[in-house]
C-alpha cells in the first residue's frame, strides 16, 4: 500500500465547507418548503440561515474556481479528447460499479495527482460544477430578493418557474449527496476515501507484478 498526495489543502477546505453547507441548505430548505411538517427552527430564522449559507457557498465556489483556474490542478478536469478512449474507459467503469466490485475485481481506474477522477466522475463533476451549481446559486439569488431581480425573474418566466428550477436542483443535489457518500465508501476500506479528504493522501493498493519467466 502506497500513499499518494491527491487532495491539496485548498480543495479539502472547499470540499468540507461545501459538504456541510449543502447539508444545511437542504435542512433549512426543507423547513422553508414544508413549514407545516418541519418546524425545527422559527421560519424567519430558517430563511436567514438558508440565505447566509447560500452566500458563503457562492463565495466558496469562486474560491474553488480560482484555485483551479490559476494553478496546474485544472488538469484534473481536462476531459479525454478521444471519444473512443473515453467511452471504452467509461464502459469499464460502469462494469466495475455494476458487478465487478461485487466479485472482488480491481477498480479499472488508477488515480494520480492529475487524474484523480475516473471517466464517469470527470464528466459528472464538470456538469455539476460548471452548470448545475451556478444555476442553483443564480436561481437562489433571484429568490433571495425577487423585487431587486424582478426584471430577470420575469424574463425567465416568473417566480414559479425560477422556484421550480431551484427545487428540482435541490432534489438533484440531495440525490447526488446520497450517491456520493455511497461511492466514497467503495475504497479498499469503507473509510479510506473519507480519510483521504481529511489528510490529502489516498492509499493506493500496489499492483500485482507479473512473475518473471527467466
Protein backbone atom coordinates (compact mmCIF):
# COMPACT_ATOMS: atom_id res chain seq x y z
CA UNK A 1 0.00 0.00 0.00
CA UNK A 2 1.44 3.37 -1.01
CA UNK A 3 0.24 6.88 -0.23
CA UNK A 4 -0.30 9.45 -2.95
CA UNK A 5 -0.97 13.14 -2.27
CA UNK A 6 -4.03 13.88 -4.39
CA UNK A 7 -6.17 16.40 -2.49
CA UNK A 8 -4.41 19.76 -1.81
CA UNK A 9 -5.41 21.70 1.30
CA UNK A 10 -7.50 24.35 -0.57
CA UNK A 11 -9.53 21.58 -2.22
CA UNK A 12 -10.13 19.85 1.10
CA UNK A 13 -11.24 23.09 2.78
CA UNK A 14 -13.56 23.83 -0.16
CA UNK A 15 -14.93 20.27 -0.12
CA UNK A 16 -15.87 20.16 3.57
CA UNK A 17 -17.25 23.72 3.53
CA UNK A 18 -19.35 22.74 0.53
CA UNK A 19 -20.45 19.44 2.08
CA UNK A 20 -21.65 20.85 5.39
CA UNK A 21 -23.03 23.95 3.70
CA UNK A 22 -25.19 21.96 1.29
CA UNK A 23 -26.46 19.75 4.10
CA UNK A 24 -27.55 22.86 6.00
CA UNK A 25 -29.11 24.30 2.83
CA UNK A 26 -31.08 21.09 2.36
CA UNK A 27 -32.21 21.03 6.01
CA UNK A 28 -33.29 24.68 6.09
CA UNK A 29 -34.74 24.43 2.58
CA UNK A 30 -36.93 21.52 3.65
CA UNK A 31 -38.24 23.53 6.57
CA UNK A 32 -38.93 26.57 4.37
CA UNK A 33 -40.69 24.40 1.81
CA UNK A 34 -42.63 22.20 4.22
CA UNK A 35 -43.31 24.52 7.12
CA UNK A 36 -46.41 22.56 8.18
CA UNK A 37 -44.40 19.33 8.52
CA UNK A 38 -41.00 20.50 9.76
CA UNK A 39 -40.59 23.11 12.48
CA UNK A 40 -37.09 22.70 13.87
CA UNK A 41 -36.47 26.44 13.74
CA UNK A 42 -38.63 29.57 13.55
CA UNK A 43 -39.47 30.19 9.89
CA UNK A 44 -37.63 33.53 9.75
CA UNK A 45 -34.52 32.01 11.33
CA UNK A 46 -34.51 29.18 8.79
CA UNK A 47 -34.75 31.71 5.94
CA UNK A 48 -31.92 33.85 7.31
CA UNK A 49 -29.65 30.82 7.84
CA UNK A 50 -30.52 29.50 4.37
CA UNK A 51 -29.64 32.83 2.75
CA UNK A 52 -26.37 33.34 4.60
CA UNK A 53 -25.17 29.80 3.90
CA UNK A 54 -26.05 30.38 0.26
CA UNK A 55 -23.78 33.43 0.14
CA UNK A 56 -20.99 31.52 1.88
CA UNK A 57 -21.22 28.73 -0.70
CA UNK A 58 -21.25 31.20 -3.59
CA UNK A 59 -18.01 32.66 -2.25
CA UNK A 60 -16.68 29.16 -1.71
CA UNK A 61 -17.47 28.30 -5.33
CA UNK A 62 -15.35 31.20 -6.56
CA UNK A 63 -12.50 30.07 -4.27
CA UNK A 64 -12.71 26.63 -5.92
CA UNK A 65 -12.89 28.16 -9.40
CA UNK A 66 -9.96 30.48 -8.78
CA UNK A 67 -7.80 27.69 -7.37
CA UNK A 68 -8.29 25.50 -10.42
CA UNK A 69 -8.08 28.30 -13.00
CA UNK A 70 -4.83 29.72 -11.65
CA UNK A 71 -2.95 26.52 -10.83
CA UNK A 72 -1.92 23.49 -12.86
CA UNK A 73 -4.53 21.44 -10.94
CA UNK A 74 -7.00 22.39 -13.67
CA UNK A 75 -5.59 19.33 -15.45
CA UNK A 76 -7.74 17.26 -13.09
CA UNK A 77 -10.80 18.41 -15.05
CA UNK A 78 -9.30 18.05 -18.53
CA UNK A 79 -11.52 15.60 -20.43
CA UNK A 80 -10.34 12.69 -22.53
CA UNK A 81 -10.41 14.12 -26.05
CA UNK A 82 -10.63 10.78 -27.80
CA UNK A 83 -14.32 9.68 -27.84
CA UNK A 84 -13.29 6.07 -28.34
CA UNK A 85 -10.95 6.04 -25.33
CA UNK A 86 -13.49 7.91 -23.19
CA UNK A 87 -16.38 5.54 -23.92
CA UNK A 88 -14.20 2.46 -23.51
CA UNK A 89 -12.95 3.68 -20.13
CA UNK A 90 -16.48 4.69 -19.10
CA UNK A 91 -17.84 1.26 -20.04
CA UNK A 92 -15.14 -0.44 -17.96
CA UNK A 93 -16.06 1.79 -15.02
CA UNK A 94 -19.77 1.01 -15.43
CA UNK A 95 -18.96 -2.72 -15.48
CA UNK A 96 -16.96 -2.31 -12.29
CA UNK A 97 -19.73 -0.44 -10.47
CA UNK A 98 -22.40 -2.74 -11.88
CA UNK A 99 -20.96 -6.10 -10.92
CA UNK A 100 -17.16 -6.12 -10.84
CA UNK A 101 -16.94 -4.62 -7.37
CA UNK A 102 -19.22 -7.36 -6.02
CA UNK A 103 -16.91 -10.01 -7.47
CA UNK A 104 -13.79 -8.52 -5.92
CA UNK A 105 -12.40 -7.22 -9.21
CA UNK A 106 -9.93 -4.29 -9.05
CA UNK A 107 -11.06 -0.79 -9.90
CA UNK A 108 -10.04 -0.11 -13.52
CA UNK A 109 -9.23 3.50 -12.65
CA UNK A 110 -5.83 4.17 -11.09
CA UNK A 111 -5.79 7.70 -9.62
CA UNK A 112 -2.88 10.10 -9.82
CA UNK A 113 -2.36 13.70 -8.80
CA UNK A 114 -3.70 14.91 -12.16
CA UNK A 115 -6.10 12.06 -12.93
CA UNK A 116 -7.94 11.56 -9.66
CA UNK A 117 -11.36 11.20 -11.30
CA UNK A 118 -12.48 8.18 -13.28
CA UNK A 119 -14.21 8.95 -16.63
CA UNK A 120 -17.71 8.92 -15.14
CA UNK A 121 -16.71 11.18 -12.26
CA UNK A 122 -14.89 13.57 -14.58
CA UNK A 123 -17.94 14.10 -16.79
CA UNK A 124 -20.36 14.27 -13.85
CA UNK A 125 -18.30 16.80 -11.88
CA UNK A 126 -17.92 19.04 -14.92
CA UNK A 127 -21.70 19.08 -15.40
CA UNK A 128 -22.34 19.68 -11.71
CA UNK A 129 -19.69 22.32 -11.05
CA UNK A 130 -19.89 24.27 -14.30
CA UNK A 131 -23.63 24.04 -14.99
CA UNK A 132 -25.87 22.86 -12.16
CA UNK A 133 -24.18 24.63 -9.23
CA UNK A 134 -24.15 28.04 -10.99
CA UNK A 135 -27.84 27.62 -11.92
CA UNK A 136 -28.63 26.66 -8.32
CA UNK A 137 -26.90 29.77 -6.99
CA UNK A 138 -28.39 32.00 -9.69
CA UNK A 139 -31.97 30.93 -9.01
CA UNK A 140 -31.36 31.14 -5.26
CA UNK A 141 -30.04 34.68 -5.63
CA UNK A 142 -33.17 35.73 -7.52
CA UNK A 143 -35.46 34.15 -4.94
CA UNK A 144 -33.50 35.88 -2.17
CA UNK A 145 -34.67 39.27 -3.44
CA UNK A 146 -37.43 38.91 -6.03
CA UNK A 147 -38.04 42.66 -6.09
CA UNK A 148 -34.44 43.53 -6.89
CA UNK A 149 -34.24 40.93 -9.65
CA UNK A 150 -37.85 41.37 -10.83
CA UNK A 151 -36.99 42.04 -14.48
CA UNK A 152 -34.75 38.98 -14.68
CA UNK A 153 -37.31 36.80 -12.92
CA UNK A 154 -39.99 37.89 -15.38
CA UNK A 155 -37.66 37.30 -18.32
CA UNK A 156 -37.20 33.71 -17.16
CA UNK A 157 -40.93 33.08 -16.86
CA UNK A 158 -41.81 34.35 -13.40
CA UNK A 159 -41.28 33.32 -9.79
CA UNK A 160 -42.99 29.94 -10.27
CA UNK A 161 -40.50 28.93 -13.00
CA UNK A 162 -37.45 30.11 -11.05
CA UNK A 163 -38.68 28.42 -7.88
CA UNK A 164 -39.41 25.17 -9.74
CA UNK A 165 -35.90 25.07 -11.20
CA UNK A 166 -34.44 25.75 -7.75
CA UNK A 167 -36.49 22.96 -6.14
CA UNK A 168 -35.66 20.48 -8.92
CA UNK A 169 -31.97 21.17 -8.42
CA UNK A 170 -32.47 20.73 -4.68
CA UNK A 171 -33.79 17.22 -5.42
CA UNK A 172 -30.88 16.52 -7.79
CA UNK A 173 -28.26 17.60 -5.24
CA UNK A 174 -29.96 15.67 -2.43
CA UNK A 175 -29.75 12.53 -4.55
CA UNK A 176 -26.18 13.33 -5.57
CA UNK A 177 -25.06 13.59 -1.95
CA UNK A 178 -26.51 10.15 -1.17
CA UNK A 179 -24.82 8.58 -4.21
CA UNK A 180 -21.59 10.47 -3.49
CA UNK A 181 -21.41 9.14 0.07
CA UNK A 182 -22.10 5.59 -1.16
CA UNK A 183 -19.41 5.73 -3.85
CA UNK A 184 -16.97 7.30 -1.38
CA UNK A 185 -17.36 4.19 0.77
CA UNK A 186 -16.12 1.91 -2.03
CA UNK A 187 -12.41 2.28 -1.32
CA UNK A 188 -10.21 -0.57 -0.09
CA UNK A 189 -11.86 0.16 3.27
CA UNK A 190 -15.21 1.97 3.77
CA UNK A 191 -13.48 4.96 5.36
CA UNK A 192 -10.43 5.19 3.05
CA UNK A 193 -11.73 7.96 0.75
CA UNK A 194 -13.19 9.94 3.66
CA UNK A 195 -9.82 9.78 5.42
CA UNK A 196 -8.09 10.90 2.20
CA UNK A 197 -10.27 14.00 2.03
CA UNK A 198 -9.05 14.89 5.52
CA UNK A 199 -5.34 14.11 5.14
CA UNK A 200 -4.96 14.70 1.39
CA UNK A 201 -3.37 11.29 0.88
CA UNK A 202 -5.07 8.45 -0.97
CA UNK A 203 -3.90 4.96 -0.11
CA UNK A 204 -3.20 3.18 -3.39
CA UNK A 205 -3.06 -0.58 -3.48
CA UNK A 206 0.09 -1.93 -5.10
CA UNK A 207 -0.49 -3.57 -8.45
CA UNK A 208 0.46 -7.21 -8.66
CA UNK A 209 3.58 -7.53 -10.74
CA UNK A 210 3.80 -10.44 -13.18
CA UNK A 211 6.43 -13.02 -12.28
CA UNK A 212 9.50 -13.19 -14.48
CA UNK A 213 9.80 -16.22 -16.75
CA UNK A 214 13.59 -16.05 -16.79
